[in-house]
PDB file of N, CA and C in Angstrom:
ATOM      1  N   MET A   1      24.406  -3.751  13.757  1.00  0.00           N
ATOM      2  CA  MET A   1      23.832  -3.712  12.418  1.00  0.00           C
ATOM      3  C   MET A   1      22.739  -4.757  12.314  1.00  0.00           C
ATOM      4  N   GLN A   2      21.676  -4.400  11.683  1.00  0.00           N
ATOM      5  CA  GLN A   2      20.570  -5.345  11.544  1.00  0.00           C
ATOM      6  C   GLN A   2      20.970  -6.497  10.639  1.00  0.00           C
ATOM      7  N   LYS A   3      20.411  -7.627  10.937  1.00  0.00           N
ATOM      8  CA  LYS A   3      20.727  -8.834  10.183  1.00  0.00           C
ATOM      9  C   LYS A   3      20.162  -8.771   8.766  1.00  0.00           C
ATOM     10  N   LEU A   4      18.964  -8.230   8.667  1.00  0.00           N
ATOM     11  CA  LEU A   4      18.320  -8.144   7.351  1.00  0.00           C
ATOM     12  C   LEU A   4      18.120  -6.690   6.964  1.00  0.00           C
ATOM     13  N   ILE A   5      18.315  -6.414   5.731  1.00  0.00           N
ATOM     14  CA  ILE A   5      18.045  -5.080   5.198  1.00  0.00           C
ATOM     15  C   ILE A   5      16.846  -5.215   4.263  1.00  0.00           C
ATOM     16  N   PHE A   6      15.822  -4.430   4.576  1.00  0.00           N
ATOM     17  CA  PHE A   6      14.601  -4.511   3.775  1.00  0.00           C
ATOM     18  C   PHE A   6      14.622  -3.446   2.684  1.00  0.00           C
ATOM     19  N   LEU A   7      14.382  -3.881   1.504  1.00  0.00           N
ATOM     20  CA  LEU A   7      14.261  -2.964   0.377  1.00  0.00           C
ATOM     21  C   LEU A   7      12.924  -3.199  -0.304  1.00  0.00           C
ATOM     22  N   ILE A   8      12.334  -2.154  -0.748  1.00  0.00           N
ATOM     23  CA  ILE A   8      11.050  -2.246  -1.422  1.00  0.00           C
ATOM     24  C   ILE A   8      11.282  -2.177  -2.925  1.00  0.00           C
ATOM     25  N   VAL A   9      10.726  -3.116  -3.602  1.00  0.00           N
ATOM     26  CA  VAL A   9      10.795  -3.120  -5.057  1.00  0.00           C
ATOM     27  C   VAL A   9       9.406  -2.750  -5.547  1.00  0.00           C
ATOM     28  N   PHE A  10       9.311  -1.611  -6.113  1.00  0.00           N
ATOM     29  CA  PHE A  10       8.011  -1.135  -6.570  1.00  0.00           C
ATOM     30  C   PHE A  10       7.721  -1.768  -7.918  1.00  0.00           C
ATOM     31  N   LEU A  11       6.750  -2.627  -7.949  1.00  0.00           N
ATOM     32  CA  LEU A  11       6.460  -3.477  -9.087  1.00  0.00           C
ATOM     33  C   LEU A  11       6.023  -2.703 -10.328  1.00  0.00           C
ATOM     34  N   PHE A  12       5.365  -1.589 -10.111  1.00  0.00           N
ATOM     35  CA  PHE A  12       4.761  -0.897 -11.250  1.00  0.00           C
ATOM     36  C   PHE A  12       5.443   0.426 -11.566  1.00  0.00           C
ATOM     37  N   SER A  13       6.752   0.455 -11.595  1.00  0.00           N
ATOM     38  CA  SER A  13       7.459   1.716 -11.771  1.00  0.00           C
ATOM     39  C   SER A  13       7.571   2.151 -13.229  1.00  0.00           C
ATOM     40  N   SER A  14       7.569   1.250 -14.181  1.00  0.00           N
ATOM     41  CA  SER A  14       7.743   1.669 -15.567  1.00  0.00           C
ATOM     42  C   SER A  14       6.420   2.112 -16.174  1.00  0.00           C
ATOM     43  N   SER A  15       6.482   3.151 -16.985  1.00  0.00           N
ATOM     44  CA  SER A  15       5.258   3.677 -17.589  1.00  0.00           C
ATOM     45  C   SER A  15       4.688   2.705 -18.612  1.00  0.00           C
ATOM     46  N   SER A  16       5.529   1.924 -19.287  1.00  0.00           N
ATOM     47  CA  SER A  16       5.001   0.971 -20.264  1.00  0.00           C
ATOM     48  C   SER A  16       4.197  -0.120 -19.573  1.00  0.00           C
ATOM     49  N   PHE A  17       4.615  -0.528 -18.373  1.00  0.00           N
ATOM     50  CA  PHE A  17       3.876  -1.543 -17.634  1.00  0.00           C
ATOM     51  C   PHE A  17       2.531  -1.003 -17.183  1.00  0.00           C
ATOM     52  N   ALA A  18       2.473   0.295 -16.860  1.00  0.00           N
ATOM     53  CA  ALA A  18       1.226   0.901 -16.397  1.00  0.00           C
ATOM     54  C   ALA A  18       0.128   0.764 -17.440  1.00  0.00           C
ATOM     55  N   GLU A  19       0.503   0.736 -18.724  1.00  0.00           N
ATOM     56  CA  GLU A  19      -0.486   0.582 -19.783  1.00  0.00           C
ATOM     57  C   GLU A  19      -1.099  -0.820 -19.780  1.00  0.00           C
ATOM     58  N   GLU A  20      -0.419  -1.782 -19.189  1.00  0.00           N
ATOM     59  CA  GLU A  20      -0.879  -3.164 -19.173  1.00  0.00           C
ATOM     60  C   GLU A  20      -1.631  -3.528 -17.897  1.00  0.00           C
ATOM     61  N   LEU A  21      -1.868  -2.572 -17.025  1.00  0.00           N
ATOM     62  CA  LEU A  21      -2.561  -2.852 -15.773  1.00  0.00           C
ATOM     63  C   LEU A  21      -4.014  -3.238 -16.028  1.00  0.00           C
ATOM     64  N   SER A  22      -4.530  -4.116 -15.177  1.00  0.00           N
ATOM     65  CA  SER A  22      -5.953  -4.439 -15.244  1.00  0.00           C
ATOM     66  C   SER A  22      -6.750  -3.180 -14.905  1.00  0.00           C
ATOM     67  N   LYS A  23      -8.019  -3.199 -15.206  1.00  0.00           N
ATOM     68  CA  LYS A  23      -8.872  -2.045 -14.895  1.00  0.00           C
ATOM     69  C   LYS A  23      -8.862  -1.759 -13.389  1.00  0.00           C
ATOM     70  N   GLU A  24      -8.940  -2.821 -12.581  1.00  0.00           N
ATOM     71  CA  GLU A  24      -8.929  -2.682 -11.122  1.00  0.00           C
ATOM     72  C   GLU A  24      -7.620  -2.029 -10.649  1.00  0.00           C
ATOM     73  N   MET A  25      -6.501  -2.491 -11.206  1.00  0.00           N
ATOM     74  CA  MET A  25      -5.201  -1.934 -10.815  1.00  0.00           C
ATOM     75  C   MET A  25      -5.050  -0.487 -11.293  1.00  0.00           C
ATOM     76  N   ALA A  26      -5.474  -0.205 -12.508  1.00  0.00           N
ATOM     77  CA  ALA A  26      -5.374   1.157 -13.036  1.00  0.00           C
ATOM     78  C   ALA A  26      -6.221   2.119 -12.207  1.00  0.00           C
ATOM     79  N   ASN A  27      -7.446   1.695 -11.867  1.00  0.00           N
ATOM     80  CA  ASN A  27      -8.303   2.540 -11.029  1.00  0.00           C
ATOM     81  C   ASN A  27      -7.703   2.708  -9.633  1.00  0.00           C
ATOM     82  N   GLY A  28      -7.142   1.638  -9.091  1.00  0.00           N
ATOM     83  CA  GLY A  28      -6.486   1.717  -7.789  1.00  0.00           C
ATOM     84  C   GLY A  28      -5.326   2.691  -7.814  1.00  0.00           C
ATOM     85  N   ARG A  29      -4.532   2.629  -8.862  1.00  0.00           N
ATOM     86  CA  ARG A  29      -3.381   3.538  -9.001  1.00  0.00           C
ATOM     87  C   ARG A  29      -3.846   4.996  -9.030  1.00  0.00           C
ATOM     88  N   LEU A  30      -4.876   5.266  -9.810  1.00  0.00           N
ATOM     89  CA  LEU A  30      -5.400   6.641  -9.895  1.00  0.00           C
ATOM     90  C   LEU A  30      -5.924   7.129  -8.547  1.00  0.00           C
ATOM     91  N   LYS A  31      -6.667   6.278  -7.850  1.00  0.00           N
ATOM     92  CA  LYS A  31      -7.229   6.674  -6.556  1.00  0.00           C
ATOM     93  C   LYS A  31      -6.114   6.882  -5.538  1.00  0.00           C
ATOM     94  N   VAL A  32      -5.102   6.021  -5.562  1.00  0.00           N
ATOM     95  CA  VAL A  32      -3.953   6.188  -4.664  1.00  0.00           C
ATOM     96  C   VAL A  32      -3.279   7.521  -4.940  1.00  0.00           C
ATOM     97  N   GLN A  33      -3.095   7.871  -6.224  1.00  0.00           N
ATOM     98  CA  GLN A  33      -2.463   9.140  -6.584  1.00  0.00           C
ATOM     99  C   GLN A  33      -3.263  10.331  -6.070  1.00  0.00           C
ATOM    100  N   LYS A  34      -4.572  10.234  -6.085  1.00  0.00           N
ATOM    101  CA  LYS A  34      -5.430  11.341  -5.681  1.00  0.00           C
ATOM    102  C   LYS A  34      -5.646  11.424  -4.171  1.00  0.00           C
ATOM    103  N   VAL A  35      -5.740  10.275  -3.497  1.00  0.00           N
ATOM    104  CA  VAL A  35      -6.194  10.265  -2.111  1.00  0.00           C
ATOM    105  C   VAL A  35      -5.131   9.801  -1.117  1.00  0.00           C
ATOM    106  N   CYS A  36      -4.368   8.794  -1.455  1.00  0.00           N
ATOM    107  CA  CYS A  36      -3.519   8.099  -0.470  1.00  0.00           C
ATOM    108  C   CYS A  36      -2.059   8.523  -0.469  1.00  0.00           C
ATOM    109  N   VAL A  37      -1.578   9.039  -1.590  1.00  0.00           N
ATOM    110  CA  VAL A  37      -0.147   9.248  -1.802  1.00  0.00           C
ATOM    111  C   VAL A  37       0.488  10.202  -0.785  1.00  0.00           C
ATOM    112  N   THR A  38      -0.240  11.186  -0.325  1.00  0.00           N
ATOM    113  CA  THR A  38       0.335  12.177   0.584  1.00  0.00           C
ATOM    114  C   THR A  38       0.851  11.541   1.868  1.00  0.00           C
ATOM    115  N   CYS A  39       0.123  10.600   2.393  1.00  0.00           N
ATOM    116  CA  CYS A  39       0.544   9.951   3.646  1.00  0.00           C
ATOM    117  C   CYS A  39       1.254   8.622   3.411  1.00  0.00           C
ATOM    118  N   HIS A  40       0.708   7.793   2.529  1.00  0.00           N
ATOM    119  CA  HIS A  40       1.217   6.431   2.369  1.00  0.00           C
ATOM    120  C   HIS A  40       2.123   6.254   1.161  1.00  0.00           C
ATOM    121  N   GLY A  41       2.225   7.266   0.305  1.00  0.00           N
ATOM    122  CA  GLY A  41       3.057   7.151  -0.885  1.00  0.00           C
ATOM    123  C   GLY A  41       2.457   6.175  -1.888  1.00  0.00           C
ATOM    124  N   MET A  42       2.993   6.169  -3.079  1.00  0.00           N
ATOM    125  CA  MET A  42       2.528   5.248  -4.112  1.00  0.00           C
ATOM    126  C   MET A  42       2.892   3.809  -3.781  1.00  0.00           C
ATOM    127  N   ASN A  43       3.987   3.627  -3.073  1.00  0.00           N
ATOM    128  CA  ASN A  43       4.454   2.268  -2.785  1.00  0.00           C
ATOM    129  C   ASN A  43       4.103   1.784  -1.384  1.00  0.00           C
ATOM    130  N   GLY A  44       3.274   2.543  -0.674  1.00  0.00           N
ATOM    131  CA  GLY A  44       2.828   2.106   0.649  1.00  0.00           C
ATOM    132  C   GLY A  44       3.751   2.470   1.791  1.00  0.00           C
ATOM    133  N   GLN A  45       4.817   3.198   1.490  1.00  0.00           N
ATOM    134  CA  GLN A  45       5.749   3.620   2.526  1.00  0.00           C
ATOM    135  C   GLN A  45       5.317   4.974   3.067  1.00  0.00           C
ATOM    136  N   ALA A  46       5.109   5.038   4.367  1.00  0.00           N
ATOM    137  CA  ALA A  46       4.675   6.279   5.004  1.00  0.00           C
ATOM    138  C   ALA A  46       5.635   7.400   4.654  1.00  0.00           C
ATOM    139  N   THR A  47       5.081   8.536   4.270  1.00  0.00           N
ATOM    140  CA  THR A  47       5.915   9.648   3.831  1.00  0.00           C
ATOM    141  C   THR A  47       5.953  10.781   4.837  1.00  0.00           C
ATOM    142  N   GLY A  48       5.270  10.627   5.960  1.00  0.00           N
ATOM    143  CA  GLY A  48       5.255  11.683   6.956  1.00  0.00           C
ATOM    144  C   GLY A  48       5.336  11.119   8.347  1.00  0.00           C
ATOM    145  N   ALA A  49       5.307  11.991   9.314  1.00  0.00           N
ATOM    146  CA  ALA A  49       5.302  11.624  10.739  1.00  0.00           C
ATOM    147  C   ALA A  49       6.488  10.751  11.106  1.00  0.00           C
ATOM    148  N   GLY A  50       7.614  10.989  10.452  1.00  0.00           N
ATOM    149  CA  GLY A  50       8.815  10.243  10.795  1.00  0.00           C
ATOM    150  C   GLY A  50       8.711   8.764  10.483  1.00  0.00           C
ATOM    151  N   ASN A  51       7.837   8.408   9.532  1.00  0.00           N
ATOM    152  CA  ASN A  51       7.675   7.011   9.134  1.00  0.00           C
ATOM    153  C   ASN A  51       7.362   6.145  10.350  1.00  0.00           C
ATOM    154  N   SER A  52       6.400   6.577  11.137  1.00  0.00           N
ATOM    155  CA  SER A  52       6.102   5.930  12.406  1.00  0.00           C
ATOM    156  C   SER A  52       4.722   5.281  12.392  1.00  0.00           C
ATOM    157  N   VAL A  53       4.314   4.799  13.548  1.00  0.00           N
ATOM    158  CA  VAL A  53       2.992   4.180  13.669  1.00  0.00           C
ATOM    159  C   VAL A  53       1.870   5.191  13.463  1.00  0.00           C
ATOM    160  N   ILE A  54       2.191   6.455  13.504  1.00  0.00           N
ATOM    161  CA  ILE A  54       1.166   7.462  13.250  1.00  0.00           C
ATOM    162  C   ILE A  54       0.629   7.304  11.828  1.00  0.00           C
ATOM    163  N   ILE A  55       1.531   7.069  10.887  1.00  0.00           N
ATOM    164  CA  ILE A  55       1.149   6.758   9.512  1.00  0.00           C
ATOM    165  C   ILE A  55       1.830   5.438   9.177  1.00  0.00           C
ATOM    166  N   PRO A  56       1.091   4.352   9.207  1.00  0.00           N
ATOM    167  CA  PRO A  56       1.726   3.041   9.002  1.00  0.00           C
ATOM    168  C   PRO A  56       2.123   2.790   7.552  1.00  0.00           C
ATOM    169  N   ASN A  57       3.165   1.998   7.388  1.00  0.00           N
ATOM    170  CA  ASN A  57       3.520   1.492   6.063  1.00  0.00           C
ATOM    171  C   ASN A  57       2.501   0.416   5.708  1.00  0.00           C
ATOM    172  N   ILE A  58       2.014   0.461   4.492  1.00  0.00           N
ATOM    173  CA  ILE A  58       1.031  -0.525   4.065  1.00  0.00           C
ATOM    174  C   ILE A  58       1.516  -1.310   2.850  1.00  0.00           C
ATOM    175  N   THR A  59       2.809  -1.281   2.612  1.00  0.00           N
ATOM    176  CA  THR A  59       3.410  -2.024   1.509  1.00  0.00           C
ATOM    177  C   THR A  59       3.081  -3.501   1.616  1.00  0.00           C
ATOM    178  N   ALA A  60       2.583  -4.073   0.541  1.00  0.00           N
ATOM    179  CA  ALA A  60       2.313  -5.509   0.431  1.00  0.00           C
ATOM    180  C   ALA A  60       1.342  -6.023   1.492  1.00  0.00           C
ATOM    181  N   GLN A  61       0.500  -5.149   1.991  1.00  0.00           N
ATOM    182  CA  GLN A  61      -0.505  -5.567   2.969  1.00  0.00           C
ATOM    183  C   GLN A  61      -1.512  -6.509   2.300  1.00  0.00           C
ATOM    184  N   GLU A  62      -2.041  -7.448   3.038  1.00  0.00           N
ATOM    185  CA  GLU A  62      -3.047  -8.363   2.499  1.00  0.00           C
ATOM    186  C   GLU A  62      -4.275  -7.579   2.029  1.00  0.00           C
ATOM    187  N   LYS A  63      -4.764  -7.901   0.851  1.00  0.00           N
ATOM    188  CA  LYS A  63      -5.898  -7.182   0.269  1.00  0.00           C
ATOM    189  C   LYS A  63      -7.141  -7.260   1.156  1.00  0.00           C
ATOM    190  N   ASN A  64      -7.504  -8.446   1.603  1.00  0.00           N
ATOM    191  CA  ASN A  64      -8.718  -8.585   2.406  1.00  0.00           C
ATOM    192  C   ASN A  64      -8.642  -7.806   3.709  1.00  0.00           C
ATOM    193  N   TYR A  65      -7.461  -7.750   4.297  1.00  0.00           N
ATOM    194  CA  TYR A  65      -7.265  -6.970   5.526  1.00  0.00           C
ATOM    195  C   TYR A  65      -7.476  -5.488   5.239  1.00  0.00           C
ATOM    196  N   MET A  66      -6.889  -4.996   4.150  1.00  0.00           N
ATOM    197  CA  MET A  66      -7.044  -3.574   3.807  1.00  0.00           C
ATOM    198  C   MET A  66      -8.496  -3.226   3.522  1.00  0.00           C
ATOM    199  N   VAL A  67      -9.184  -4.093   2.788  1.00  0.00           N
ATOM    200  CA  VAL A  67     -10.599  -3.848   2.493  1.00  0.00           C
ATOM    201  C   VAL A  67     -11.390  -3.765   3.797  1.00  0.00           C
ATOM    202  N   ALA A  68     -11.165  -4.720   4.694  1.00  0.00           N
ATOM    203  CA  ALA A  68     -11.892  -4.731   5.969  1.00  0.00           C
ATOM    204  C   ALA A  68     -11.600  -3.474   6.784  1.00  0.00           C
ATOM    205  N   ARG A  69     -10.345  -3.056   6.841  1.00  0.00           N
ATOM    206  CA  ARG A  69      -9.982  -1.853   7.612  1.00  0.00           C
ATOM    207  C   ARG A  69     -10.617  -0.604   7.005  1.00  0.00           C
ATOM    208  N   LEU A  70     -10.522  -0.449   5.693  1.00  0.00           N
ATOM    209  CA  LEU A  70     -11.094   0.734   5.053  1.00  0.00           C
ATOM    210  C   LEU A  70     -12.613   0.786   5.235  1.00  0.00           C
ATOM    211  N   LYS A  71     -13.260  -0.353   5.141  1.00  0.00           N
ATOM    212  CA  LYS A  71     -14.712  -0.392   5.362  1.00  0.00           C
ATOM    213  C   LYS A  71     -15.049  -0.057   6.815  1.00  0.00           C
ATOM    214  N   ALA A  72     -14.216  -0.500   7.732  1.00  0.00           N
ATOM    215  CA  ALA A  72     -14.451  -0.196   9.147  1.00  0.00           C
ATOM    216  C   ALA A  72     -14.268   1.301   9.423  1.00  0.00           C
ATOM    217  N   TYR A  73     -13.280   1.928   8.803  1.00  0.00           N
ATOM    218  CA  TYR A  73     -13.124   3.390   8.930  1.00  0.00           C
ATOM    219  C   TYR A  73     -14.354   4.085   8.358  1.00  0.00           C
ATOM    220  N   LYS A  74     -14.782   3.636   7.196  1.00  0.00           N
ATOM    221  CA  LYS A  74     -15.919   4.266   6.528  1.00  0.00           C
ATOM    222  C   LYS A  74     -17.197   4.128   7.353  1.00  0.00           C
ATOM    223  N   ALA A  75     -17.393   2.982   7.983  1.00  0.00           N
ATOM    224  CA  ALA A  75     -18.602   2.732   8.788  1.00  0.00           C
ATOM    225  C   ALA A  75     -18.525   3.356  10.178  1.00  0.00           C
ATOM    226  N   GLY A  76     -17.381   3.900  10.538  1.00  0.00           N
ATOM    227  CA  GLY A  76     -17.227   4.495  11.861  1.00  0.00           C
ATOM    228  C   GLY A  76     -16.909   3.485  12.947  1.00  0.00           C
ATOM    229  N   GLU A  77     -16.627   2.245  12.561  1.00  0.00           N
ATOM    230  CA  GLU A  77     -16.270   1.212  13.535  1.00  0.00           C
ATOM    231  C   GLU A  77     -14.864   1.428  14.086  1.00  0.00           C
ATOM    232  N   ILE A  78     -14.013   2.025  13.264  1.00  0.00           N
ATOM    233  CA  ILE A  78     -12.680   2.450  13.695  1.00  0.00           C
ATOM    234  C   ILE A  78     -12.652   3.959  13.528  1.00  0.00           C
ATOM    235  N   LYS A  79     -12.265   4.640  14.572  1.00  0.00           N
ATOM    236  CA  LYS A  79     -12.231   6.102  14.520  1.00  0.00           C
ATOM    237  C   LYS A  79     -10.784   6.593  14.453  1.00  0.00           C
ATOM    238  N   HIS A  80     -10.538   7.452  13.472  1.00  0.00           N
ATOM    239  CA  HIS A  80      -9.220   8.041  13.285  1.00  0.00           C
ATOM    240  C   HIS A  80      -9.440   9.395  12.626  1.00  0.00           C
ATOM    241  N   PRO A  81      -8.778  10.446  13.116  1.00  0.00           N
ATOM    242  CA  PRO A  81      -9.054  11.797  12.601  1.00  0.00           C
ATOM    243  C   PRO A  81      -8.945  11.938  11.084  1.00  0.00           C
ATOM    244  N   GLN A  82      -7.942  11.319  10.472  1.00  0.00           N
ATOM    245  CA  GLN A  82      -7.776  11.451   9.025  1.00  0.00           C
ATOM    246  C   GLN A  82      -8.441  10.302   8.258  1.00  0.00           C
ATOM    247  N   MET A  83      -8.201   9.077   8.679  1.00  0.00           N
ATOM    248  CA  MET A  83      -8.689   7.932   7.912  1.00  0.00           C
ATOM    249  C   MET A  83     -10.213   7.846   7.893  1.00  0.00           C
ATOM    250  N   SER A  84     -10.869   8.280   8.928  1.00  0.00           N
ATOM    251  CA  SER A  84     -12.334   8.278   8.933  1.00  0.00           C
ATOM    252  C   SER A  84     -12.872   9.200   7.850  1.00  0.00           C
ATOM    253  N   VAL A  85     -12.214  10.336   7.641  1.00  0.00           N
ATOM    254  CA  VAL A  85     -12.612  11.285   6.593  1.00  0.00           C
ATOM    255  C   VAL A  85     -12.254  10.733   5.217  1.00  0.00           C
ATOM    256  N   VAL A  86     -11.033  10.233   5.076  1.00  0.00           N
ATOM    257  CA  VAL A  86     -10.564   9.707   3.794  1.00  0.00           C
ATOM    258  C   VAL A  86     -11.453   8.554   3.333  1.00  0.00           C
ATOM    259  N   ALA A  87     -11.782   7.649   4.221  1.00  0.00           N
ATOM    260  CA  ALA A  87     -12.592   6.487   3.847  1.00  0.00           C
ATOM    261  C   ALA A  87     -13.968   6.899   3.327  1.00  0.00           C
ATOM    262  N   GLN A  88     -14.497   8.013   3.825  1.00  0.00           N
ATOM    263  CA  GLN A  88     -15.794   8.499   3.343  1.00  0.00           C
ATOM    264  C   GLN A  88     -15.729   8.901   1.874  1.00  0.00           C
ATOM    265  N   MET A  89     -14.551   9.242   1.390  1.00  0.00           N
ATOM    266  CA  MET A  89     -14.379   9.655  -0.006  1.00  0.00           C
ATOM    267  C   MET A  89     -14.280   8.464  -0.957  1.00  0.00           C
ATOM    268  N   LEU A  90     -14.181   7.247  -0.416  1.00  0.00           N
ATOM    269  CA  LEU A  90     -13.977   6.064  -1.234  1.00  0.00           C
ATOM    270  C   LEU A  90     -15.266   5.270  -1.409  1.00  0.00           C
ATOM    271  N   SER A  91     -15.558   4.914  -2.645  1.00  0.00           N
ATOM    272  CA  SER A  91     -16.682   4.017  -2.914  1.00  0.00           C
ATOM    273  C   SER A  91     -16.241   2.586  -2.590  1.00  0.00           C
ATOM    274  N   GLU A  92     -17.187   1.661  -2.612  1.00  0.00           N
ATOM    275  CA  GLU A  92     -16.842   0.249  -2.390  1.00  0.00           C
ATOM    276  C   GLU A  92     -15.823  -0.215  -3.433  1.00  0.00           C
ATOM    277  N   GLN A  93     -16.019   0.206  -4.681  1.00  0.00           N
ATOM    278  CA  GLN A  93     -15.085  -0.170  -5.750  1.00  0.00           C
ATOM    279  C   GLN A  93     -13.717   0.459  -5.520  1.00  0.00           C
ATOM    280  N   ASP A  94     -13.695   1.733  -5.102  1.00  0.00           N
ATOM    281  CA  ASP A  94     -12.419   2.392  -4.789  1.00  0.00           C
ATOM    282  C   ASP A  94     -11.662   1.632  -3.708  1.00  0.00           C
ATOM    283  N   ILE A  95     -12.363   1.221  -2.670  1.00  0.00           N
ATOM    284  CA  ILE A  95     -11.737   0.486  -1.568  1.00  0.00           C
ATOM    285  C   ILE A  95     -11.095  -0.794  -2.096  1.00  0.00           C
ATOM    286  N   ASN A  96     -11.824  -1.512  -2.922  1.00  0.00           N
ATOM    287  CA  ASN A  96     -11.304  -2.747  -3.504  1.00  0.00           C
ATOM    288  C   ASN A  96     -10.078  -2.470  -4.384  1.00  0.00           C
ATOM    289  N   ASP A  97     -10.165  -1.414  -5.197  1.00  0.00           N
ATOM    290  CA  ASP A  97      -9.078  -1.091  -6.127  1.00  0.00           C
ATOM    291  C   ASP A  97      -7.823  -0.614  -5.402  1.00  0.00           C
ATOM    292  N   VAL A  98      -7.988   0.223  -4.402  1.00  0.00           N
ATOM    293  CA  VAL A  98      -6.845   0.706  -3.617  1.00  0.00           C
ATOM    294  C   VAL A  98      -6.173  -0.467  -2.895  1.00  0.00           C
ATOM    295  N   ALA A  99      -6.973  -1.341  -2.324  1.00  0.00           N
ATOM    296  CA  ALA A  99      -6.426  -2.517  -1.642  1.00  0.00           C
ATOM    297  C   ALA A  99      -5.701  -3.424  -2.628  1.00  0.00           C
ATOM    298  N   GLU A 100      -6.237  -3.555  -3.821  1.00  0.00           N
ATOM    299  CA  GLU A 100      -5.581  -4.355  -4.866  1.00  0.00           C
ATOM    300  C   GLU A 100      -4.218  -3.756  -5.208  1.00  0.00           C
ATOM    301  N   TRP A 101      -4.171  -2.442  -5.376  1.00  0.00           N
ATOM    302  CA  TRP A 101      -2.909  -1.768  -5.723  1.00  0.00           C
ATOM    303  C   TRP A 101      -1.837  -2.026  -4.662  1.00  0.00           C
ATOM    304  N   TYR A 102      -2.138  -1.696  -3.430  1.00  0.00           N
ATOM    305  CA  TYR A 102      -1.127  -1.846  -2.378  1.00  0.00           C
ATOM    306  C   TYR A 102      -0.772  -3.312  -2.113  1.00  0.00           C
ATOM    307  N   SER A 103      -1.715  -4.217  -2.290  1.00  0.00           N
ATOM    308  CA  SER A 103      -1.436  -5.628  -2.018  1.00  0.00           C
ATOM    309  C   SER A 103      -0.523  -6.265  -3.067  1.00  0.00           C
ATOM    310  N   LYS A 104      -0.425  -5.673  -4.226  1.00  0.00           N
ATOM    311  CA  LYS A 104       0.400  -6.241  -5.299  1.00  0.00           C
ATOM    312  C   LYS A 104       1.858  -5.793  -5.248  1.00  0.00           C
ATOM    313  N   ILE A 105       2.181  -4.893  -4.370  1.00  0.00           N
ATOM    314  CA  ILE A 105       3.571  -4.464  -4.225  1.00  0.00           C
ATOM    315  C   ILE A 105       4.348  -5.605  -3.580  1.00  0.00           C
ATOM    316  N   LYS A 106       5.504  -5.912  -4.124  1.00  0.00           N
ATOM    317  CA  LYS A 106       6.327  -7.012  -3.624  1.00  0.00           C
ATOM    318  C   LYS A 106       7.524  -6.466  -2.848  1.00  0.00           C
ATOM    319  N   ILE A 107       7.973  -7.242  -1.912  1.00  0.00           N
ATOM    320  CA  ILE A 107       9.123  -6.882  -1.096  1.00  0.00           C
ATOM    321  C   ILE A 107      10.215  -7.913  -1.324  1.00  0.00           C
ATOM    322  N   GLN A 108      11.435  -7.440  -1.475  1.00  0.00           N
ATOM    323  CA  GLN A 108      12.579  -8.338  -1.508  1.00  0.00           C
ATOM    324  C   GLN A 108      13.397  -8.099  -0.261  1.00  0.00           C
ATOM    325  N   ILE A 109      13.929  -9.175   0.290  1.00  0.00           N
ATOM    326  CA  ILE A 109      14.725  -9.098   1.500  1.00  0.00           C
ATOM    327  C   ILE A 109      16.135  -9.555   1.169  1.00  0.00           C
ATOM    328  N   PHE A 110      17.117  -8.747   1.539  1.00  0.00           N
ATOM    329  CA  PHE A 110      18.510  -9.126   1.353  1.00  0.00           C
ATOM    330  C   PHE A 110      19.088  -9.559   2.698  1.00  0.00           C
ATOM    331  N   ASP A 111      19.623 -10.762   2.729  1.00  0.00           N
ATOM    332  CA  ASP A 111      20.262 -11.296   3.925  1.00  0.00           C
ATOM    333  C   ASP A 111      21.772 -11.249   3.703  1.00  0.00           C
ATOM    334  N   PRO A 112      22.465 -10.317   4.380  1.00  0.00           N
ATOM    335  CA  PRO A 112      23.908 -10.169   4.142  1.00  0.00           C
ATOM    336  C   PRO A 112      24.724 -11.392   4.555  1.00  0.00           C
ATOM    337  N   GLU A 113      24.244 -12.170   5.505  1.00  0.00           N
ATOM    338  CA  GLU A 113      24.983 -13.377   5.897  1.00  0.00           C
ATOM    339  C   GLU A 113      24.940 -14.426   4.791  1.00  0.00           C
ATOM    340  N   ARG A 114      23.803 -14.542   4.149  1.00  0.00           N
ATOM    341  CA  ARG A 114      23.659 -15.509   3.059  1.00  0.00           C
ATOM    342  C   ARG A 114      23.999 -14.902   1.710  1.00  0.00           C
ATOM    343  N   LYS A 115      24.090 -13.586   1.681  1.00  0.00           N
ATOM    344  CA  LYS A 115      24.387 -12.840   0.454  1.00  0.00           C
ATOM    345  C   LYS A 115      23.405 -13.186  -0.669  1.00  0.00           C
ATOM    346  N   ASN A 116      22.127 -13.187  -0.298  1.00  0.00           N
ATOM    347  CA  ASN A 116      21.121 -13.471  -1.313  1.00  0.00           C
ATOM    348  C   ASN A 116      19.848 -12.650  -1.082  1.00  0.00           C
ATOM    349  N   TRP A 117      19.051 -12.599  -2.100  1.00  0.00           N
ATOM    350  CA  TRP A 117      17.766 -11.919  -2.062  1.00  0.00           C
ATOM    351  C   TRP A 117      16.654 -12.953  -2.049  1.00  0.00           C
ATOM    352  N   ARG A 118      15.609 -12.661  -1.310  1.00  0.00           N
ATOM    353  CA  ARG A 118      14.428 -13.516  -1.288  1.00  0.00           C
ATOM    354  C   ARG A 118      13.217 -12.659  -1.558  1.00  0.00           C
ATOM    355  N   GLN A 119      12.338 -13.158  -2.390  1.00  0.00           N
ATOM    356  CA  GLN A 119      11.077 -12.464  -2.674  1.00  0.00           C
ATOM    357  C   GLN A 119      10.113 -12.777  -1.536  1.00  0.00           C
ATOM    358  N   TYR A 120       9.472 -11.757  -1.015  1.00  0.00           N
ATOM    359  CA  TYR A 120       8.471 -11.957   0.024  1.00  0.00           C
ATOM    360  C   TYR A 120       7.127 -12.107  -0.652  1.00  0.00           C
ATOM    361  N   ASN A 121       6.569 -13.271  -0.597  1.00  0.00           N
ATOM    362  CA  ASN A 121       5.256 -13.555  -1.177  1.00  0.00           C
ATOM    363  C   ASN A 121       4.337 -14.075  -0.110  1.00  0.00           C
ATOM    364  N   LYS A 122       3.159 -13.525  -0.015  1.00  0.00           N
ATOM    365  CA  LYS A 122       2.174 -13.994   0.968  1.00  0.00           C
ATOM    366  C   LYS A 122       1.390 -15.126   0.389  1.00  0.00           C
TER     367      LYS A 122
END
């Protein structure tokens, strides 16, 4: 049995909270719903390909890293059959907003030996 069990706590699950999102977060949420959700889900958990490296989990990924990767796909510096096409559909603002959305998801880790939860914060 694994020592740690990872659970994802989706920060923006309530509809009342969605009304309080910043413009950047609200736009990111909409773009994720339209473009990213099929493969990466709303919470960054891969929803296809057996949850493997083919479609990586991007939950709580660093914003600057995501922006750099998406820009590299868009510029053709990184070649990938799906992501190269998807990145072409994103404006610079979309890239920033999508990265903001996924970077704000928090992870909690439960350690059964210590019987406690820890918030994962970068």
